[in-house]
Structure formats: C-alpha cells, structure tokens
C-alpha cells in the first residue's frame, strides 16, 4: 500500500509538473492534488489493516464458538426435586470412567479426528487429564476403574499418586463435570444424576492449584460465587482465609483492582482469595486440587492455616503431591493407573511396603527421624523436666 501511494505521488508530480510548465495547471492545483492523494492514502492503508483484523477475528470466532456450541456431555433430567441443602456424605460405588465414552455422547463428536481431539482436550480439567487423552478418538481406555470410596461429613479424604493416575478426574465426577461410565457416585445416598445441577454444584467448593481471578476488585473476586454477599460477609471470609492482612495493605483495600488473573498479586495471595471465595459459598463438599503445590514453605503454612478453617465441618477431598499436607487425613487413597492400590491413614501406610512408603521415604522420613532423635535427646538430658 505504501508503494502504491508513493507511485501515485510520483505520477502526479510528473504529469502535473509537465502541465504546470506548459501553463495548463497552476502550481497551487498541483499541490492540492498531491495533498488529496496523501489524505486518501492514510484511510486506504487503515482499511487494509481492518480487513486483516476482521479476517483474524472471524477465524478466532469460529474456534471460540466451536467450543461454546459444543453440547455438554452431562444432561439434567427434567422434573428433578429441589435439594438446597445436603449433609455431604459422598459414596463411590464401583465407579469406572472413560473419556471416550463420555465424549461419545456429545452429538456430532467424532466427525473428524482433529476436531474430536481438540474438543476432548478443551474439556480436560488439567494437564494431568490431558496426558490421558492422547489418541482420544479411538482409545476406549478407562481413566479410573472400579473405585469404591465412602467419605462422611467432617472427614478428610486425600488422593495421592503420580501424574496421570486419575486423581483430578475422580473428583470431577462429584459435581458432575462428567458422568461415570459405570457404577454410581452418590451424595447423601442419592445418585448425583438425581440432583439438579445447580443444587449439586452450589454445595461443592473447589480450590484449584491455578486460581482463576478476574480483572475486577478484590471484593468482586471473593464474591464471585455469591454475588449477594455483603461487604461484612466478604471481610469475614477474608479474615478466615488469612487474606485480610494483605488486603488491608492494598491501595484501595477491598476495592483494589487486581488485574487479569490476579497479575498484581503473588501466588499465595491468589490462593488465599480463592479460599475466601470458597468460604463465602459455604459448601458442604470441598475439593482441594493441589492448592499448595506451587508456593514456598512460608506461604504454604499460611494457606494451610486458612484451609483448616475452610475444612471444618465439611467433607473434604485433597489432591496432593506433598505428604506434609495430608498426614492428618482420615483416609489416604493411593492411585495408580486409575485404581486404588493402597488405602489407610498416614500412620498405617508408612508401615506397609508400597508406593506410599516410597513417597514417605523420599519426602518425610529424614525429617521425622531427626525430630524423633531430637526428642529422645531432650528426654534423656539431665536438665530435662521430670
């Protein structure tokens, strides 16, 4: 476009200059023609850029609407009764799940291998699940197999296992992000398929490793799941989540804009906002998906203090890589390739050869032995208090 406008300027000056020399055109008219060309060149170049932008927007829109228009693999039956409150007892009865079967229920799914794989990856909840989706269009492999769990109110159930063992997929069946391929998931003895989705998900709180925050105020982010909450309720949730102190130091406190994805906050601060958000919802079932995996030890301690407040009186599922976060759990389930290979408390599992004991040896045994040695030395000291 710049070359064309430059050639136009040359043509006007060449032809117009000759006309001016011969007296057929005044110098003022020549300058006016050249000015008109320059004024026309700018909008013409902008129009070309706009055409390119529109083309990119159309291509992006097609990809975006492909996702938005994809039907959910979960269907809610009409006429289900309202159940606004639950106790939180969660039961898995011989549950097996396969992504291939889940997405096969979507109308039009499988039309092309490329689109099918793309949709499946979009629906996967995290990187762990994506590793299980390779070859999605044809692979019938079950991600979790024959799972049996019973979690009562006020109990903590910990899930541990290597990447790709099915931990996140297992917990995603509780709020019905997917339906089990076989077996049943029950809440308070009622199959989750017999709950209205809004009722079920209102009672399930999730704190992820990567917190999703919006370019809004601190208060608006905390109240995202409960928009009718008062500022007093928001402040109470922030105090319980150990977040009030850093919020108070922000320029406008609860009215401070935190940027897209909380870019103006540290990782620990973002996690504590997510915990405050979950507290404000007041769910009966809580899912903590590696909530302290990417923070330092000091921040982990602050988050753990907030989580103790959050877990009180609720049925809690903890997905973890660090054993230090799950030693207090009532049940610890060790998953391997979608199956529960070990089950018990921390004290029980560290005495049994297996995957859990191997992880304990790598992460905590040295610390525990050093602590026991220090305690014995103190106890045997002559100055020890009898």
Protein backbone atom coordinates (compact mmCIF):
# COMPACT_ATOMS: atom_id res chain seq x y z
CA UNK A 1 0.00 0.00 0.00
CA UNK A 2 2.91 2.40 0.74
CA UNK A 3 4.45 1.55 -2.66
CA UNK A 4 1.17 2.30 -4.46
CA UNK A 5 0.74 5.66 -2.72
CA UNK A 6 4.37 6.57 -3.45
CA UNK A 7 3.92 5.73 -7.14
CA UNK A 8 0.77 7.87 -7.16
CA UNK A 9 2.74 10.81 -5.76
CA UNK A 10 5.42 10.33 -8.46
CA UNK A 11 2.76 10.17 -11.21
CA UNK A 12 1.02 13.35 -10.03
CA UNK A 13 4.28 15.29 -9.73
CA UNK A 14 5.49 14.04 -13.14
CA UNK A 15 2.29 14.63 -15.08
CA UNK A 16 1.18 17.65 -13.04
CA UNK A 17 4.66 19.20 -13.28
CA UNK A 18 4.57 19.00 -17.05
CA UNK A 19 1.06 20.51 -17.08
CA UNK A 20 2.23 23.34 -14.80
CA UNK A 21 5.27 24.06 -17.02
CA UNK A 22 3.02 24.25 -20.11
CA UNK A 23 0.63 26.56 -18.25
CA UNK A 24 -2.30 24.16 -18.30
CA UNK A 25 -2.29 23.72 -14.49
CA UNK A 26 -1.43 26.09 -11.69
CA UNK A 27 1.18 25.17 -9.08
CA UNK A 28 -1.49 25.54 -6.36
CA UNK A 29 -3.71 22.98 -8.06
CA UNK A 30 -0.77 20.56 -8.34
CA UNK A 31 -0.06 20.88 -4.61
CA UNK A 32 -3.78 20.44 -3.85
CA UNK A 33 -3.93 17.20 -5.91
CA UNK A 34 -0.88 15.85 -4.11
CA UNK A 35 -2.40 16.74 -0.71
CA UNK A 36 -5.65 14.95 -1.65
CA UNK A 37 -3.66 11.83 -2.54
CA UNK A 38 -1.83 11.85 0.79
CA UNK A 39 -5.12 12.32 2.67
CA UNK A 40 -6.61 9.37 0.77
CA UNK A 41 -3.60 7.10 1.35
CA UNK A 42 -3.95 7.03 5.17
CA UNK A 43 -7.58 5.76 5.32
CA UNK A 44 -6.82 3.32 2.50
CA UNK A 45 -3.95 1.79 4.47
CA UNK A 46 -6.17 1.63 7.59
CA UNK A 47 -8.87 -0.12 5.58
CA UNK A 48 -6.37 -2.79 4.54
CA UNK A 49 -5.38 -3.32 8.19
CA UNK A 50 -9.05 -3.54 9.21
CA UNK A 51 -9.66 -6.22 6.58
CA UNK A 52 -6.77 -8.25 8.03
CA UNK A 53 -8.10 -7.79 11.58
CA UNK A 54 -11.59 -8.87 10.55
CA UNK A 55 -10.20 -11.99 8.87
CA UNK A 56 -8.31 -12.94 12.03
CA UNK A 57 -11.38 -12.20 14.18
CA UNK A 58 -13.57 -14.44 12.01
CA UNK A 59 -11.08 -17.31 12.28
CA UNK A 60 -10.80 -16.85 16.07
CA UNK A 61 -14.57 -16.56 16.41
CA UNK A 62 -15.10 -19.84 14.59
CA UNK A 63 -12.76 -21.61 17.00
CA UNK A 64 -14.36 -19.89 20.00
CA UNK A 65 -17.92 -20.73 19.00
CA UNK A 66 -16.90 -24.30 18.26
CA UNK A 67 -16.16 -24.57 21.97
CA UNK A 68 -19.18 -22.55 23.17
CA UNK A 69 -21.57 -24.51 20.94
CA UNK A 70 -20.25 -27.92 21.99
CA UNK A 71 -23.05 -29.65 23.95
CA UNK A 72 -22.20 -30.73 27.48
CA UNK A 73 -21.72 -34.48 27.98
CA UNK A 74 -23.86 -34.11 31.13
CA UNK A 75 -27.64 -33.95 30.86
CA UNK A 76 -30.06 -32.92 33.61
CA UNK A 77 -33.31 -34.84 33.68
CA UNK A 78 -36.43 -32.66 33.80
CA UNK A 79 -38.66 -32.62 36.86
CA UNK A 80 -36.00 -33.33 39.49
CA UNK A 81 -36.91 -32.16 43.03
CA UNK A 82 -35.07 -29.24 44.60
CA UNK A 83 -32.44 -30.14 47.23
CA UNK A 84 -30.96 -26.92 48.51
CA UNK A 85 -29.04 -28.41 51.46
CA UNK A 86 -27.05 -31.60 51.87
CA UNK A 87 -25.05 -33.24 54.66
CA UNK A 88 -22.08 -34.08 52.44
CA UNK A 89 -21.71 -37.87 52.62
CA UNK A 90 -20.03 -38.92 49.35
CA UNK A 91 -20.00 -42.50 48.08
CA UNK A 92 -18.33 -44.03 45.03
CA UNK A 93 -19.74 -47.46 44.23
CA UNK A 94 -17.67 -49.49 41.75
CA UNK A 95 -17.09 -46.42 39.58
CA UNK A 96 -15.35 -46.65 36.21
CA UNK A 97 -14.87 -43.71 33.85
CA UNK A 98 -13.64 -43.37 30.26
CA UNK A 99 -13.28 -40.10 28.37
CA UNK A 100 -14.01 -41.94 25.13
CA UNK A 101 -17.47 -42.97 26.37
CA UNK A 102 -18.14 -39.57 27.97
CA UNK A 103 -17.50 -37.61 24.77
CA UNK A 104 -19.13 -40.19 22.52
CA UNK A 105 -22.44 -38.97 24.00
CA UNK A 106 -21.92 -35.48 22.51
CA UNK A 107 -23.90 -35.01 19.24
CA UNK A 108 -21.51 -34.66 16.31
CA UNK A 109 -18.50 -35.68 18.33
CA UNK A 110 -16.06 -37.76 16.32
CA UNK A 111 -16.82 -36.13 12.96
CA UNK A 112 -13.10 -35.65 12.42
CA UNK A 113 -10.16 -36.87 14.45
CA UNK A 114 -8.70 -33.36 14.71
CA UNK A 115 -11.90 -31.73 16.00
CA UNK A 116 -12.65 -34.61 18.35
CA UNK A 117 -9.21 -34.48 19.95
CA UNK A 118 -9.43 -30.69 20.22
CA UNK A 119 -12.80 -30.81 21.98
CA UNK A 120 -11.64 -33.50 24.35
CA UNK A 121 -8.54 -31.54 25.32
CA UNK A 122 -10.65 -28.42 25.87
CA UNK A 123 -12.89 -30.34 28.27
CA UNK A 124 -9.98 -31.86 30.20
CA UNK A 125 -9.65 -30.20 33.59
CA UNK A 126 -5.89 -30.02 33.83
CA UNK A 127 -2.59 -31.18 32.41
CA UNK A 128 -2.87 -34.47 34.27
CA UNK A 129 -6.04 -35.37 32.39
CA UNK A 130 -4.62 -34.26 29.03
CA UNK A 131 -1.93 -36.92 29.24
CA UNK A 132 -4.74 -39.46 29.33
CA UNK A 133 -6.39 -38.12 26.17
CA UNK A 134 -3.77 -38.98 23.58
CA UNK A 135 -5.47 -40.74 20.69
CA UNK A 136 -8.84 -39.63 22.05
CA UNK A 137 -10.98 -40.54 19.07
CA UNK A 138 -10.19 -44.22 19.24
CA UNK A 139 -8.90 -45.00 22.72
CA UNK A 140 -11.51 -46.69 24.97
CA UNK A 141 -9.14 -46.95 27.97
CA UNK A 142 -10.69 -46.21 31.36
CA UNK A 143 -9.10 -43.36 33.28
CA UNK A 144 -10.42 -44.66 36.63
CA UNK A 145 -11.51 -48.22 37.28
CA UNK A 146 -13.69 -49.89 39.92
CA UNK A 147 -13.37 -47.14 42.53
CA UNK A 148 -15.10 -47.59 45.90
CA UNK A 149 -14.96 -44.75 48.44
CA UNK A 150 -17.11 -43.65 51.36
CA UNK A 151 -16.47 -40.19 52.81
CA UNK A 152 -18.59 -38.99 55.71
CA UNK A 153 -19.24 -35.38 56.78
CA UNK A 154 -16.30 -33.76 58.60
CA UNK A 155 -13.88 -36.31 57.12
CA UNK A 156 -10.79 -35.58 55.03
CA UNK A 157 -10.01 -37.92 52.14
CA UNK A 158 -6.61 -37.48 50.50
CA UNK A 159 -5.77 -38.65 46.98
CA UNK A 160 -2.15 -39.16 46.02
CA UNK A 161 -0.46 -40.74 43.01
CA UNK A 162 1.77 -40.00 40.06
CA UNK A 163 0.74 -37.62 37.28
CA UNK A 164 -1.93 -39.25 35.15
CA UNK A 165 -3.21 -41.62 37.84
CA UNK A 166 -6.74 -40.14 37.67
CA UNK A 167 -6.91 -38.03 40.85
CA UNK A 168 -8.46 -34.90 39.31
CA UNK A 169 -10.75 -36.95 37.09
CA UNK A 170 -12.06 -38.82 40.13
CA UNK A 171 -13.07 -35.64 41.98
CA UNK A 172 -14.60 -34.12 38.83
CA UNK A 173 -17.32 -36.77 39.00
CA UNK A 174 -18.67 -35.36 42.29
CA UNK A 175 -20.01 -32.06 40.84
CA UNK A 176 -20.96 -33.94 37.63
CA UNK A 177 -18.49 -32.34 35.27
CA UNK A 178 -18.69 -35.82 33.74
CA UNK A 179 -20.86 -38.88 34.35
CA UNK A 180 -19.38 -42.19 35.40
CA UNK A 181 -19.24 -44.78 32.61
CA UNK A 182 -20.39 -47.44 35.07
CA UNK A 183 -21.14 -47.60 38.77
CA UNK A 184 -22.59 -44.66 40.69
CA UNK A 185 -21.47 -41.56 42.56
CA UNK A 186 -23.83 -40.67 45.41
CA UNK A 187 -24.22 -37.70 47.74
CA UNK A 188 -26.21 -38.42 50.91
CA UNK A 189 -27.18 -41.77 49.40
CA UNK A 190 -28.71 -40.17 46.29
CA UNK A 191 -27.13 -40.60 42.86
CA UNK A 192 -25.70 -37.30 41.62
CA UNK A 193 -27.75 -37.77 38.44
CA UNK A 194 -30.87 -37.29 40.59
CA UNK A 195 -29.77 -33.82 41.71
CA UNK A 196 -30.41 -30.66 39.79
CA UNK A 197 -27.01 -29.44 38.61
CA UNK A 198 -27.46 -26.03 40.26
CA UNK A 199 -28.32 -27.64 43.62
CA UNK A 200 -25.42 -30.09 43.45
CA UNK A 201 -22.76 -27.61 42.38
CA UNK A 202 -23.93 -24.99 44.89
CA UNK A 203 -22.83 -27.40 47.61
CA UNK A 204 -19.40 -28.20 46.11
CA UNK A 205 -16.47 -25.82 46.52
CA UNK A 206 -13.25 -26.23 44.53
CA UNK A 207 -9.86 -24.62 45.18
CA UNK A 208 -7.53 -25.27 42.26
CA UNK A 209 -3.75 -25.05 42.00
CA UNK A 210 -4.11 -22.33 39.36
CA UNK A 211 -6.61 -19.82 40.73
CA UNK A 212 -8.91 -18.12 38.23
CA UNK A 213 -9.27 -14.45 39.14
CA UNK A 214 -10.79 -11.65 37.08
CA UNK A 215 -9.83 -8.08 36.27
CA UNK A 216 -12.10 -6.73 38.98
CA UNK A 217 -11.89 -5.61 42.60
CA UNK A 218 -10.81 -7.87 45.45
CA UNK A 219 -14.37 -7.84 46.84
CA UNK A 220 -15.90 -8.78 43.48
CA UNK A 221 -13.48 -11.68 43.07
CA UNK A 222 -14.24 -13.05 46.55
CA UNK A 223 -17.99 -12.68 45.98
CA UNK A 224 -17.88 -14.31 42.54
CA UNK A 225 -19.81 -17.39 43.70
CA UNK A 226 -22.17 -15.43 45.95
CA UNK A 227 -22.93 -12.07 44.38
CA UNK A 228 -25.50 -11.21 47.07
CA UNK A 229 -22.89 -11.32 49.85
CA UNK A 230 -22.50 -8.14 51.91
CA UNK A 231 -19.15 -6.45 52.45
CA UNK A 232 -19.27 -7.68 56.07
CA UNK A 233 -19.59 -11.28 54.83
CA UNK A 234 -16.70 -10.73 52.40
CA UNK A 235 -14.49 -9.34 55.16
CA UNK A 236 -15.29 -12.30 57.45
CA UNK A 237 -14.37 -14.74 54.68
CA UNK A 238 -11.13 -12.84 54.03
CA UNK A 239 -10.18 -12.95 57.73
CA UNK A 240 -10.87 -16.70 57.94
CA UNK A 241 -8.77 -17.26 54.79
CA UNK A 242 -5.78 -15.38 56.27
CA UNK A 243 -6.19 -12.83 53.46
CA UNK A 244 -7.40 -9.77 55.38
CA UNK A 245 -3.91 -8.60 56.38
CA UNK A 246 -2.54 -8.29 52.83
CA UNK A 247 -5.85 -6.90 51.52
CA UNK A 248 -5.68 -4.15 54.15
CA UNK A 249 -2.26 -3.13 52.78
CA UNK A 250 -3.52 -2.75 49.20
CA UNK A 251 -4.01 0.84 47.92
CA UNK A 252 -7.82 0.69 48.00
CA UNK A 253 -8.17 -2.44 50.15
CA UNK A 254 -11.24 -4.43 49.03
CA UNK A 255 -11.89 -2.02 46.13
CA UNK A 256 -8.42 -2.52 44.64
CA UNK A 257 -8.37 -3.78 41.04
CA UNK A 258 -6.15 -6.86 40.90
CA UNK A 259 -5.70 -7.21 37.13
CA UNK A 260 -6.45 -10.11 34.80
CA UNK A 261 -5.82 -13.46 36.56
CA UNK A 262 -4.69 -11.53 39.64
CA UNK A 263 -1.48 -10.39 37.94
CA UNK A 264 -0.85 -7.82 40.70
CA UNK A 265 -0.86 -10.46 43.46
CA UNK A 266 1.57 -13.19 44.48
CA UNK A 267 0.72 -16.88 44.12
CA UNK A 268 -0.03 -17.25 47.83
CA UNK A 269 -2.26 -14.18 47.85
CA UNK A 270 -4.22 -15.50 44.89
CA UNK A 271 -4.70 -18.85 46.65
CA UNK A 272 -5.98 -17.16 49.80
CA UNK A 273 -8.50 -15.18 47.74
CA UNK A 274 -9.68 -18.48 46.24
CA UNK A 275 -10.08 -19.93 49.74
CA UNK A 276 -12.04 -16.84 50.82
CA UNK A 277 -14.27 -17.30 47.78
CA UNK A 278 -14.93 -20.92 48.76
CA UNK A 279 -15.66 -19.91 52.38
CA UNK A 280 -18.20 -17.37 51.22
CA UNK A 281 -20.05 -20.04 49.22
CA UNK A 282 -20.10 -22.24 52.36
CA UNK A 283 -20.11 -25.61 50.52
CA UNK A 284 -20.71 -28.92 52.28
CA UNK A 285 -18.23 -30.72 50.00
CA UNK A 286 -14.79 -29.28 49.39
CA UNK A 287 -12.24 -30.27 46.73
CA UNK A 288 -8.67 -29.01 47.10
CA UNK A 289 -6.75 -29.74 43.91
CA UNK A 290 -3.03 -29.33 44.72
CA UNK A 291 -3.82 -25.99 46.37
CA UNK A 292 -0.31 -25.57 47.83
CA UNK A 293 1.82 -27.17 45.12
CA UNK A 294 3.44 -24.04 43.69
CA UNK A 295 4.14 -21.90 46.78
CA UNK A 296 7.04 -21.56 49.20
CA UNK A 297 7.05 -23.04 52.71
CA UNK A 298 6.01 -19.85 54.50
CA UNK A 299 3.12 -19.27 52.11
CA UNK A 300 2.17 -22.94 52.37
CA UNK A 301 1.91 -22.58 56.15
CA UNK A 302 -0.37 -19.54 55.78
CA UNK A 303 -2.53 -21.38 53.25
CA UNK A 304 -2.70 -24.46 55.48
CA UNK A 305 -3.95 -22.30 58.34
CA UNK A 306 -6.66 -20.93 56.05
CA UNK A 307 -7.54 -24.43 54.82
CA UNK A 308 -8.05 -25.70 58.38
CA UNK A 309 -10.75 -23.06 58.80
CA UNK A 310 -12.22 -23.93 55.43
CA UNK A 311 -12.32 -27.71 56.01
CA UNK A 312 -14.01 -27.55 59.42
CA UNK A 313 -17.34 -29.40 59.32
CA UNK A 314 -17.11 -30.28 55.63
CA UNK A 315 -16.41 -33.39 53.58
CA UNK A 316 -13.02 -32.65 52.06
CA UNK A 317 -11.12 -34.26 49.19
CA UNK A 318 -7.46 -33.24 48.96
CA UNK A 319 -5.37 -33.92 45.86
CA UNK A 320 -1.74 -33.55 46.86
CA UNK A 321 1.86 -34.20 45.92
CA UNK A 322 3.35 -33.20 49.28
CA UNK A 323 2.73 -35.68 52.08
CA UNK A 324 3.04 -32.89 54.64
CA UNK A 325 -0.37 -31.60 53.54
CA UNK A 326 -2.24 -34.89 54.05
CA UNK A 327 -0.77 -36.54 57.16
CA UNK A 328 -3.88 -35.50 59.11
CA UNK A 329 -6.33 -37.08 56.62
CA UNK A 330 -8.88 -39.62 57.84
CA UNK A 331 -8.36 -41.67 54.66
CA UNK A 332 -5.46 -41.64 52.24
CA UNK A 333 -6.04 -43.29 48.87
CA UNK A 334 -3.06 -44.09 46.67
CA UNK A 335 -3.99 -44.23 42.98
CA UNK A 336 -2.04 -45.91 40.22
CA UNK A 337 -3.33 -46.07 36.63
CA UNK A 338 -6.88 -45.31 37.76
CA UNK A 339 -7.06 -47.89 40.55
CA UNK A 340 -6.80 -47.58 44.33
CA UNK A 341 -3.71 -49.62 45.23
CA UNK A 342 -3.44 -48.57 48.89
CA UNK A 343 -5.87 -47.22 51.46
CA UNK A 344 -5.47 -46.18 55.09
CA UNK A 345 -4.21 -43.46 57.43
CA UNK A 346 -0.73 -41.95 57.30
CA UNK A 347 0.50 -43.96 60.28
CA UNK A 348 -0.85 -47.18 58.79
CA UNK A 349 0.55 -46.68 55.30
CA UNK A 350 4.11 -45.74 56.30
CA UNK A 351 4.50 -49.18 57.89
CA UNK A 352 3.35 -51.08 54.79
CA UNK A 353 5.72 -51.57 51.81
CA UNK A 354 4.24 -49.91 48.76
CA UNK A 355 4.00 -46.64 46.79
CA UNK A 356 3.05 -44.54 49.83
CA UNK A 357 6.00 -45.75 51.87
CA UNK A 358 8.29 -44.99 48.91
CA UNK A 359 6.99 -41.40 48.75
CA UNK A 360 7.32 -41.08 52.53
CA UNK A 361 10.94 -42.25 52.38
CA UNK A 362 11.72 -39.57 49.79
CA UNK A 363 9.86 -36.67 51.41
CA UNK A 364 9.42 -37.05 55.17
CA UNK A 365 11.34 -39.94 56.71
CA UNK A 366 14.55 -37.97 57.29
CA UNK A 367 12.62 -35.14 58.93
CA UNK A 368 10.64 -37.48 61.18
CA UNK A 369 13.73 -39.43 62.22
CA UNK A 370 15.62 -36.22 63.01
CA UNK A 371 12.68 -34.97 65.07
CA UNK A 372 12.46 -38.25 67.00
CA UNK A 373 16.21 -38.19 67.66
CA UNK A 374 15.97 -34.63 68.97
CA UNK A 375 13.05 -35.57 71.22
CA UNK A 376 14.97 -38.55 72.62
CA UNK A 377 18.00 -36.39 73.29
CA UNK A 378 15.88 -33.83 75.12
CA UNK A 379 14.13 -36.56 77.13
CA UNK A 380 17.45 -38.14 78.17
CA UNK A 381 19.08 -34.86 79.08
CA UNK A 382 19.84 -34.42 82.84
CA UNK A 383 18.22 -31.00 82.72
CA UNK A 384 15.00 -32.36 81.21
CA UNK A 385 11.91 -31.60 83.24
CA UNK A 386 10.72 -34.73 85.02
